[in-house]
C-alpha atoms as a PDB file:
ATOM      1  CA  MET A   1       0.000   0.000   0.000  1.00  0.00           C
ATOM      2  CA  LYS A   2       2.799   2.376   0.940  1.00  0.00           C
ATOM      3  CA  GLN A   3       4.522   1.635  -2.360  1.00  0.00           C
ATOM      4  CA  ILE A   4       1.352   2.510  -4.312  1.00  0.00           C
ATOM      5  CA  ILE A   5       0.948   5.760  -2.412  1.00  0.00           C
ATOM      6  CA  LYS A   6       4.604   6.579  -2.947  1.00  0.00           C
ATOM      7  CA  GLN A   7       4.300   6.032  -6.696  1.00  0.00           C
ATOM      8  CA  LEU A   8       1.099   8.049  -6.888  1.00  0.00           C
ATOM      9  CA  PHE A   9       2.466  11.023  -4.982  1.00  0.00           C
ATOM     10  CA  SER A  10       6.158  10.783  -5.877  1.00  0.00           C
ATOM     11  CA  ASN A  11       5.911  14.011  -7.808  1.00  0.00           C
ATOM     12  CA  LYS A  12       5.067  16.797  -5.371  1.00  0.00           C
ATOM     13  CA  LYS A  13       3.802  19.152  -8.096  1.00  0.00           C
ATOM     14  CA  HIS A  14       1.527  16.427  -9.441  1.00  0.00           C
ATOM     15  CA  PHE A  15       0.158  15.842  -5.951  1.00  0.00           C
ATOM     16  CA  VAL A  16      -0.560  19.541  -5.406  1.00  0.00           C
ATOM     17  CA  ARG A  17      -2.379  19.735  -8.738  1.00  0.00           C
ATOM     18  CA  LEU A  18      -4.461  16.748  -7.712  1.00  0.00           C
ATOM     19  CA  ILE A  19      -5.409  17.748  -4.198  1.00  0.00           C
ATOM     20  CA  LEU A  20      -5.683  21.554  -4.474  1.00  0.00           C
ATOM     21  CA  PRO A  21      -8.858  21.638  -6.629  1.00  0.00           C
ATOM     22  CA  LEU A  22     -10.577  19.238  -4.230  1.00  0.00           C
ATOM     23  CA  VAL A  23      -9.726  21.338  -1.193  1.00  0.00           C
ATOM     24  CA  THR A  24     -10.783  24.516  -3.009  1.00  0.00           C
ATOM     25  CA  VAL A  25     -14.180  23.074  -3.922  1.00  0.00           C
ATOM     26  CA  ILE A  26     -14.783  21.850  -0.380  1.00  0.00           C
ATOM     27  CA  LEU A  27     -13.896  25.176   1.212  1.00  0.00           C
ATOM     28  CA  ALA A  28     -15.904  27.167  -1.336  1.00  0.00           C
ATOM     29  CA  ALA A  29     -18.970  25.011  -0.753  1.00  0.00           C
ATOM     30  CA  THR A  30     -18.776  25.370   3.013  1.00  0.00           C
ATOM     31  CA  LEU A  31     -18.110  29.099   2.951  1.00  0.00           C
ATOM     32  CA  PHE A  32     -20.850  30.068   0.535  1.00  0.00           C
ATOM     33  CA  SER A  33     -23.664  27.615   1.253  1.00  0.00           C
ATOM     34  CA  ALA A  34     -24.946  29.410   4.373  1.00  0.00           C
ATOM     35  CA  PRO A  35     -24.708  33.056   3.198  1.00  0.00           C
ATOM     36  CA  ALA A  36     -26.541  32.128  -0.009  1.00  0.00           C
ATOM     37  CA  LEU A  37     -29.701  31.635   2.038  1.00  0.00           C
ATOM     38  CA  ALA A  38     -29.615  35.136   3.516  1.00  0.00           C
ATOM     39  CA  THR A  39     -30.690  38.381   1.874  1.00  0.00           C
ATOM     40  CA  GLY A  40     -29.327  41.854   2.522  1.00  0.00           C
ATOM     41  CA  VAL A  41     -30.828  45.183   1.491  1.00  0.00           C
ATOM     42  CA  TYR A  42     -27.990  45.600  -1.014  1.00  0.00           C
ATOM     43  CA  GLN A  43     -29.342  42.546  -2.897  1.00  0.00           C
ATOM     44  CA  ILE A  44     -32.772  44.096  -3.430  1.00  0.00           C
ATOM     45  CA  PRO A  45     -33.054  45.982  -6.746  1.00  0.00           C
ATOM     46  CA  ASP A  46     -33.586  49.727  -6.697  1.00  0.00           C
ATOM     47  CA  LEU A  47     -37.117  51.074  -6.907  1.00  0.00           C
ATOM     48  CA  THR A  48     -38.657  54.545  -6.809  1.00  0.00           C
ATOM     49  CA  SER A  49     -42.040  56.098  -6.147  1.00  0.00           C
ATOM     50  CA  GLY A  50     -44.386  55.442  -9.058  1.00  0.00           C
ATOM     51  CA  ASN A  51     -42.689  52.170 -10.017  1.00  0.00           C
ATOM     52  CA  ASP A  52     -45.279  49.499 -10.863  1.00  0.00           C
ATOM     53  CA  THR A  53     -43.520  46.719  -8.950  1.00  0.00           C
ATOM     54  CA  TRP A  54     -45.860  46.030  -6.056  1.00  0.00           C
ATOM     55  CA  VAL A  55     -44.844  42.541  -4.925  1.00  0.00           C
ATOM     56  CA  LEU A  56     -41.261  41.274  -4.649  1.00  0.00           C
ATOM     57  CA  ASP A  57     -41.594  37.630  -3.648  1.00  0.00           C
ATOM     58  CA  ARG A  58     -37.984  36.568  -3.035  1.00  0.00           C
ATOM     59  CA  GLY A  59     -39.222  33.978  -0.536  1.00  0.00           C
ATOM     60  CA  GLU A  60     -41.333  32.335  -3.269  1.00  0.00           C
ATOM     61  CA  VAL A  61     -44.381  31.794  -1.073  1.00  0.00           C
ATOM     62  CA  ILE A  62     -47.080  33.583  -3.103  1.00  0.00           C
ATOM     63  CA  SER A  63     -48.672  31.870  -6.092  1.00  0.00           C
ATOM     64  CA  ARG A  64     -48.470  33.672  -9.427  1.00  0.00           C
ATOM     65  CA  LEU A  65     -52.245  33.966  -9.527  1.00  0.00           C
ATOM     66  CA  ASN A  66     -52.429  35.659  -6.140  1.00  0.00           C
ATOM     67  CA  GLU A  67     -49.375  37.795  -6.852  1.00  0.00           C
ATOM     68  CA  GLY A  68     -51.197  39.082  -9.911  1.00  0.00           C
ATOM     69  CA  LYS A  69     -54.360  39.814  -7.909  1.00  0.00           C
ATOM     70  CA  ILE A  70     -52.444  41.678  -5.216  1.00  0.00           C
ATOM     71  CA  SER A  71     -50.410  43.678  -7.745  1.00  0.00           C
ATOM     72  CA  SER A  72     -53.563  44.643  -9.620  1.00  0.00           C
ATOM     73  CA  ALA A  73     -55.279  45.778  -6.410  1.00  0.00           C
ATOM     74  CA  PHE A  74     -52.253  47.865  -5.358  1.00  0.00           C
ATOM     75  CA  ASP A  75     -51.957  49.348  -8.850  1.00  0.00           C
ATOM     76  CA  ASP A  76     -55.605  50.448  -8.788  1.00  0.00           C
ATOM     77  CA  LEU A  77     -55.098  51.879  -5.290  1.00  0.00           C
ATOM     78  CA  ALA A  78     -52.118  53.948  -6.434  1.00  0.00           C
ATOM     79  CA  LYS A  79     -53.986  55.318  -9.465  1.00  0.00           C
ATOM     80  CA  GLN A  80     -57.091  56.212  -7.459  1.00  0.00           C
ATOM     81  CA  THR A  81     -55.536  57.598  -4.261  1.00  0.00           C
ATOM     82  CA  GLY A  82     -51.805  58.099  -4.824  1.00  0.00           C
ATOM     83  CA  ASN A  83     -51.102  55.731  -1.916  1.00  0.00           C
ATOM     84  CA  GLU A  84     -48.602  53.032  -2.785  1.00  0.00           C
ATOM     85  CA  VAL A  85     -48.142  49.672  -1.037  1.00  0.00           C
ATOM     86  CA  ARG A  86     -45.345  47.195  -1.588  1.00  0.00           C
ATOM     87  CA  ILE A  87     -44.857  43.722  -0.193  1.00  0.00           C
ATOM     88  CA  VAL A  88     -41.434  42.077   0.020  1.00  0.00           C
ATOM     89  CA  THR A  89     -40.737  38.493   1.083  1.00  0.00           C
ATOM     90  CA  ILE A  90     -37.265  37.081   1.614  1.00  0.00           C
ATOM     91  CA  ARG A  91     -35.998  33.721   2.826  1.00  0.00           C
ATOM     92  CA  HIS A  92     -33.781  34.979   5.615  1.00  0.00           C
ATOM     93  CA  PHE A  93     -32.201  38.199   6.830  1.00  0.00           C
ATOM     94  CA  ASP A  94     -28.452  38.726   6.861  1.00  0.00           C
ATOM     95  CA  TYR A  95     -26.757  37.985  10.175  1.00  0.00           C
ATOM     96  CA  GLY A  96     -27.513  40.721  12.680  1.00  0.00           C
ATOM     97  CA  GLU A  97     -30.523  42.084  10.771  1.00  0.00           C
ATOM     98  CA  THR A  98     -34.051  42.146  12.171  1.00  0.00           C
ATOM     99  CA  ALA A  99     -37.358  42.591  10.394  1.00  0.00           C
ATOM    100  CA  GLN A 100     -37.505  46.178  11.633  1.00  0.00           C
ATOM    101  CA  SER A 101     -33.934  47.132  10.697  1.00  0.00           C
ATOM    102  CA  PHE A 102     -34.188  45.509   7.245  1.00  0.00           C
ATOM    103  CA  THR A 103     -37.516  47.213   6.485  1.00  0.00           C
ATOM    104  CA  LYS A 104     -36.215  50.604   7.607  1.00  0.00           C
ATOM    105  CA  GLU A 105     -33.068  50.293   5.460  1.00  0.00           C
ATOM    106  CA  LEU A 106     -35.047  49.167   2.415  1.00  0.00           C
ATOM    107  CA  PHE A 107     -37.650  51.917   2.915  1.00  0.00           C
ATOM    108  CA  GLU A 108     -34.926  54.553   3.010  1.00  0.00           C
ATOM    109  CA  LYS A 109     -33.084  52.997   0.073  1.00  0.00           C
ATOM    110  CA  TRP A 110     -36.166  53.070  -2.140  1.00  0.00           C
ATOM    111  CA  PHE A 111     -37.539  56.384  -0.837  1.00  0.00           C
ATOM    112  CA  PRO A 112     -34.622  58.461   0.488  1.00  0.00           C
ATOM    113  CA  THR A 113     -36.536  61.688   1.215  1.00  0.00           C
ATOM    114  CA  LYS A 114     -39.536  62.492   3.405  1.00  0.00           C
ATOM    115  CA  GLU A 115     -41.414  63.636   0.327  1.00  0.00           C
ATOM    116  CA  ALA A 116     -40.785  60.349  -1.481  1.00  0.00           C
ATOM    117  CA  GLN A 117     -41.797  58.387   1.629  1.00  0.00           C
ATOM    118  CA  ALA A 118     -44.998  60.333   2.302  1.00  0.00           C
ATOM    119  CA  ASN A 119     -47.509  58.100   0.499  1.00  0.00           C
ATOM    120  CA  GLN A 120     -45.609  54.836   0.861  1.00  0.00           C
ATOM    121  CA  THR A 121     -46.319  51.634   2.795  1.00  0.00           C
ATOM    122  CA  LEU A 122     -43.765  48.822   2.913  1.00  0.00           C
ATOM    123  CA  LEU A 123     -44.484  45.392   4.396  1.00  0.00           C
ATOM    124  CA  VAL A 124     -41.681  42.809   4.747  1.00  0.00           C
ATOM    125  CA  LEU A 125     -41.783  39.118   5.688  1.00  0.00           C
ATOM    126  CA  ASP A 126     -38.925  36.723   6.457  1.00  0.00           C
ATOM    127  CA  THR A 127     -40.261  33.302   5.413  1.00  0.00           C
ATOM    128  CA  VAL A 128     -37.859  31.283   7.588  1.00  0.00           C
ATOM    129  CA  THR A 129     -38.916  32.871  10.877  1.00  0.00           C
ATOM    130  CA  ASN A 130     -42.186  34.493   9.684  1.00  0.00           C
ATOM    131  CA  ASP A 131     -41.021  37.764  11.256  1.00  0.00           C
ATOM    132  CA  THR A 132     -42.802  40.798   9.834  1.00  0.00           C
ATOM    133  CA  ALA A 133     -42.392  44.561   9.853  1.00  0.00           C
ATOM    134  CA  ILE A 134     -44.257  47.472   8.286  1.00  0.00           C
ATOM    135  CA  LEU A 135     -43.357  51.124   7.670  1.00  0.00           C
ATOM    136  CA  THR A 136     -45.553  53.960   6.448  1.00  0.00           C
ATOM    137  CA  GLY A 137     -45.009  57.527   5.258  1.00  0.00           C
ATOM    138  CA  ASP A 138     -46.321  60.604   7.044  1.00  0.00           C
ATOM    139  CA  ARG A 139     -49.319  61.268   4.759  1.00  0.00           C
ATOM    140  CA  VAL A 140     -50.456  57.657   4.953  1.00  0.00           C
ATOM    141  CA  LYS A 141     -50.701  57.751   8.753  1.00  0.00           C
ATOM    142  CA  SER A 142     -53.931  59.758   8.683  1.00  0.00           C
ATOM    143  CA  LEU A 143     -55.600  56.637   7.270  1.00  0.00           C
ATOM    144  CA  LEU A 144     -53.233  53.803   8.157  1.00  0.00           C
ATOM    145  CA  THR A 145     -52.408  54.698  11.736  1.00  0.00           C
ATOM    146  CA  ASP A 146     -49.497  53.068  13.537  1.00  0.00           C
ATOM    147  CA  SER A 147     -51.877  50.867  15.538  1.00  0.00           C
ATOM    148  CA  ILE A 148     -53.674  49.639  12.407  1.00  0.00           C
ATOM    149  CA  ALA A 149     -50.357  49.079  10.632  1.00  0.00           C
ATOM    150  CA  GLU A 150     -49.096  47.016  13.571  1.00  0.00           C
ATOM    151  CA  SER A 151     -52.321  45.003  13.541  1.00  0.00           C
ATOM    152  CA  VAL A 152     -51.941  44.358   9.810  1.00  0.00           C
ATOM    153  CA  ALA A 153     -48.423  42.975  10.257  1.00  0.00           C
ATOM    154  CA  ASN A 154     -48.906  41.085  13.510  1.00  0.00           C
ATOM    155  CA  GLU A 155     -52.493  39.868  13.101  1.00  0.00           C
ATOM    156  CA  THR A 156     -53.843  39.988   9.542  1.00  0.00           C
ATOM    157  CA  LEU A 157     -50.602  38.703   8.030  1.00  0.00           C
ATOM    158  CA  SER A 158     -49.284  36.598  10.885  1.00  0.00           C
ATOM    159  CA  THR A 159     -52.423  34.743  12.012  1.00  0.00           C
ATOM    160  CA  PRO A 160     -52.750  32.523   8.891  1.00  0.00           C
ATOM    161  CA  LEU A 161     -49.016  31.810   9.103  1.00  0.00           C
ATOM    162  CA  ARG A 162     -49.356  30.573  12.670  1.00  0.00           C
ATOM    163  CA  LYS A 163     -52.128  28.262  11.502  1.00  0.00           C
ATOM    164  CA  GLY A 164     -50.063  26.283   9.019  1.00  0.00           C
ATOM    165  CA  ASN A 165     -48.028  28.740   6.924  1.00  0.00           C
ATOM    166  CA  LYS A 166     -51.009  29.777   4.792  1.00  0.00           C
ATOM    167  CA  TYR A 167     -49.048  32.410   2.882  1.00  0.00           C
ATOM    168  CA  ASN A 168     -51.504  33.007   0.052  1.00  0.00           C
ATOM    169  CA  GLN A 169     -54.426  33.516   2.409  1.00  0.00           C
ATOM    170  CA  ALA A 170     -52.269  35.754   4.612  1.00  0.00           C
ATOM    171  CA  PHE A 171     -51.260  38.075   1.782  1.00  0.00           C
ATOM    172  CA  ILE A 172     -54.694  38.206   0.171  1.00  0.00           C
ATOM    173  CA  ASP A 173     -56.262  39.132   3.536  1.00  0.00           C
ATOM    174  CA  THR A 174     -53.500  41.682   4.117  1.00  0.00           C
ATOM    175  CA  SER A 175     -53.856  43.327   0.717  1.00  0.00           C
ATOM    176  CA  ASP A 176     -57.650  43.498   1.075  1.00  0.00           C
ATOM    177  CA  ARG A 177     -57.341  45.227   4.442  1.00  0.00           C
ATOM    178  CA  LEU A 178     -54.641  47.663   3.294  1.00  0.00           C
ATOM    179  CA  VAL A 179     -56.570  48.610   0.161  1.00  0.00           C
ATOM    180  CA  ALA A 180     -59.743  49.203   2.186  1.00  0.00           C
ATOM    181  CA  VAL A 181     -58.037  51.374   4.795  1.00  0.00           C
ATOM    182  CA  LEU A 182     -55.921  53.368   2.318  1.00  0.00           C
ATOM    183  CA  SER A 183     -58.996  53.992   0.169  1.00  0.00           C
ATOM    184  CA  GLY A 184     -60.691  55.703   3.110  1.00  0.00           C
ATOM    185  CA  LYS A 185     -63.115  52.850   3.801  1.00  0.00           C
ATOM    186  CA  PRO A 186     -63.797  51.461   7.292  1.00  0.00           C
ATOM    187  CA  ASP A 187     -61.096  49.184   8.619  1.00  0.00           C
ATOM    188  CA  PRO A 188     -62.321  45.573   8.331  1.00  0.00           C
ATOM    189  CA  GLY A 189     -60.052  44.699  11.230  1.00  0.00           C
ATOM    190  CA  PRO A 190     -57.935  41.622  11.850  1.00  0.00           C
ATOM    191  CA  PRO A 191     -59.210  38.089  11.251  1.00  0.00           C
ATOM    192  CA  GLN A 192     -61.337  36.539  13.945  1.00  0.00           C
ATOM    193  CA  ILE A 193     -59.263  34.213  16.123  1.00  0.00           C
ATOM    194  CA  THR A 194     -60.981  31.130  17.491  1.00  0.00           C
ATOM    195  CA  ASP A 195     -59.636  29.177  20.436  1.00  0.00           C
ATOM    196  CA  GLU A 196     -57.898  26.019  19.291  1.00  0.00           C
ATOM    197  CA  VAL A 197     -55.887  23.398  21.099  1.00  0.00           C
ATOM    198  CA  GLN A 198     -52.307  23.843  19.934  1.00  0.00           C
ATOM    199  CA  VAL A 199     -50.299  20.618  20.016  1.00  0.00           C
ATOM    200  CA  GLU A 200     -47.382  21.403  17.730  1.00  0.00           C
ATOM    201  CA  GLY A 201     -47.611  25.172  17.493  1.00  0.00           C
ATOM    202  CA  THR A 202     -44.369  25.774  19.372  1.00  0.00           C
ATOM    203  CA  PHE A 203     -42.315  23.479  17.133  1.00  0.00           C
ATOM    204  CA  LYS A 204     -40.846  24.152  13.713  1.00  0.00           C
ATOM    205  CA  ASN A 205     -42.276  22.129  10.837  1.00  0.00           C
ATOM    206  CA  ALA A 206     -40.102  19.937   8.632  1.00  0.00           C
ATOM    207  CA  GLU A 207     -39.481  22.625   6.010  1.00  0.00           C
ATOM    208  CA  GLU A 208     -38.391  25.205   8.584  1.00  0.00           C
ATOM    209  CA  THR A 209     -36.125  22.697  10.291  1.00  0.00           C
ATOM    210  CA  LYS A 210     -34.475  21.739   7.008  1.00  0.00           C
ATOM    211  CA  ALA A 211     -33.969  25.380   6.052  1.00  0.00           C
ATOM    212  CA  VAL A 212     -32.280  26.202   9.344  1.00  0.00           C
ATOM    213  CA  GLN A 213     -30.249  23.003   9.621  1.00  0.00           C
ATOM    214  CA  GLY A 214     -29.296  22.641   5.958  1.00  0.00           C
ATOM    215  CA  SER A 215     -26.587  25.273   5.949  1.00  0.00           C
ATOM    216  CA  ALA A 216     -25.213  24.098   9.304  1.00  0.00           C
ATOM    217  CA  THR A 217     -24.979  20.533   7.999  1.00  0.00           C
ATOM    218  CA  ALA A 218     -23.094  21.690   4.911  1.00  0.00           C
ATOM    219  CA  TRP A 219     -20.626  23.584   7.099  1.00  0.00           C
ATOM    220  CA  VAL A 220     -20.030  20.584   9.357  1.00  0.00           C
ATOM    221  CA  ILE A 221     -19.624  18.066   6.529  1.00  0.00           C
ATOM    222  CA  GLY A 222     -17.347  20.359   4.557  1.00  0.00           C
ATOM    223  CA  LEU A 223     -15.139  21.139   7.518  1.00  0.00           C
ATOM    224  CA  LEU A 224     -14.918  17.455   8.496  1.00  0.00           C
ATOM    225  CA  ILE A 225     -13.837  16.513   4.980  1.00  0.00           C
ATOM    226  CA  ALA A 226     -11.315  19.335   4.867  1.00  0.00           C
ATOM    227  CA  ALA A 227     -10.015  18.392   8.309  1.00  0.00           C
ATOM    228  CA  THR A 228      -9.496  14.825   7.092  1.00  0.00           C
ATOM    229  CA  VAL A 229      -8.072  15.460   3.630  1.00  0.00           C
ATOM    230  CA  ILE A 230      -5.592  18.211   4.472  1.00  0.00           C
ATOM    231  CA  PRO A 231      -3.770  16.364   7.324  1.00  0.00           C
ATOM    232  CA  MET A 232      -3.633  13.181   5.224  1.00  0.00           C
ATOM    233  CA  ALA A 233      -2.163  15.083   2.318  1.00  0.00           C
ATOM    234  CA  THR A 234       0.411  16.683   4.591  1.00  0.00           C
ATOM    235  CA  TYR A 235       1.328  13.302   6.071  1.00  0.00           C
ATOM    236  CA  TYR A 236       1.775  11.686   2.653  1.00  0.00           C
ATOM    237  CA  ILE A 237       4.039  14.486   1.473  1.00  0.00           C
ATOM    238  CA  TYR A 238       6.082  14.159   4.658  1.00  0.00           C
ATOM    239  CA  GLN A 239       6.406  10.375   4.264  1.00  0.00           C
ATOM    240  CA  ILE A 240       7.357  10.583   0.611  1.00  0.00           C
ATOM    241  CA  ASN A 241      10.145  13.043   1.274  1.00  0.00           C
ATOM    242  CA  GLN A 242      11.693  11.009   4.099  1.00  0.00           C
ATOM    243  CA  PRO A 243      15.044   9.246   3.312  1.00  0.00           C
ATOM    244  CA  SER A 244      14.545   5.567   2.542  1.00  0.00           C
ATOM    245  CA  SER A 245      15.702   3.205   5.323  1.00  0.00           C
ATOM    246  CA  ASP A 246      16.863   0.760   2.606  1.00  0.00           C
ATOM    247  CA  GLY A 247      19.503   3.198   1.399  1.00  0.00           C
END
């Protein structure tokens, strides 16, 4: 066995060419697998007041049919009242970000002045944790008060998510309520909550668990492989370059 290894790795340059690509691939996979799941404000495309992009579903939780319905409702709202609403979903915030900090940064990125922000409403959802946040401009607050906005994010949007991740229902209900309020109609209020016995409500479902654990598993496997391959490679090089005891 030692003779085979010696013949295979007798040329140090050949050995480096053989092992270096493998190590590079392993390290690249482990380093970039976890960050790829997160989204920072810098990754969201620029947008300005009057832009007809109403829904940015980076989390891929809204059906195309419902995305079209919501976009159409928000477009009509903007044309009739001048009030603009945008919904953004992402899969996970960058490390250190919260729903509130991300929404504030994105709001200011898209609408950098008080004038640009005045008629704007921005609602953000992280689909891994189901954390939500909402921000509104000064002119909007006469209709969409802070208490109503908080209820929209924490009740109208969040209640269907707590009852089985019903994203399409959550966003349809949310858009209907926002359109009603911002059109000057009476607030329909949050959904009625009935008492139910919660057995698994405090546990993550399989999809959430996989999303959270997937990147950690990749890190562990990659680092274990690297920790095995690199010392072995070093040992082989050391053994090959030792003087032969037969000489």
